[in-house]
Amino acid sequence: MSVLPKQVTRASTWSDQVEEGKARFVPSLLLFARVAYRFQLAGYRDQCEYLSVQKNSSIERWPHNGYIKKLRRKDGCYYYYNKARECPDREVNKTKLYVY
């Protein structure tokens, strides 16, 4: 059973959280927001959904910056990412920010 988000907003500026899906604390809501351009590009809502669907799959990361290197898509194929920023400025406002 997966956890459903309580709120969805859109990103307005680029950050590490928008790029690759680290949890961040939202003091006004006292909840965690998980944001993830790389997860959404691979077809998932965020890291929460990825881990619930891909139970035996680990998240490979680049060693020098910790960004996601490879994700398994729902169809079983893999999505590979560069070491540097993937989210272009024109895509930032399309990235959804989920609050749990």
Foldseek 3Di string as FASTA:
>chain_A
DADDFPDKAAFDDDDPQQQAWDWDADVVVRWIKTWGPPQVVLPHLGPRRQCVQCVPDDFDADVPPRGTAWGQHNVGHIDGDDNDGDQDNVCRRVTMITTD
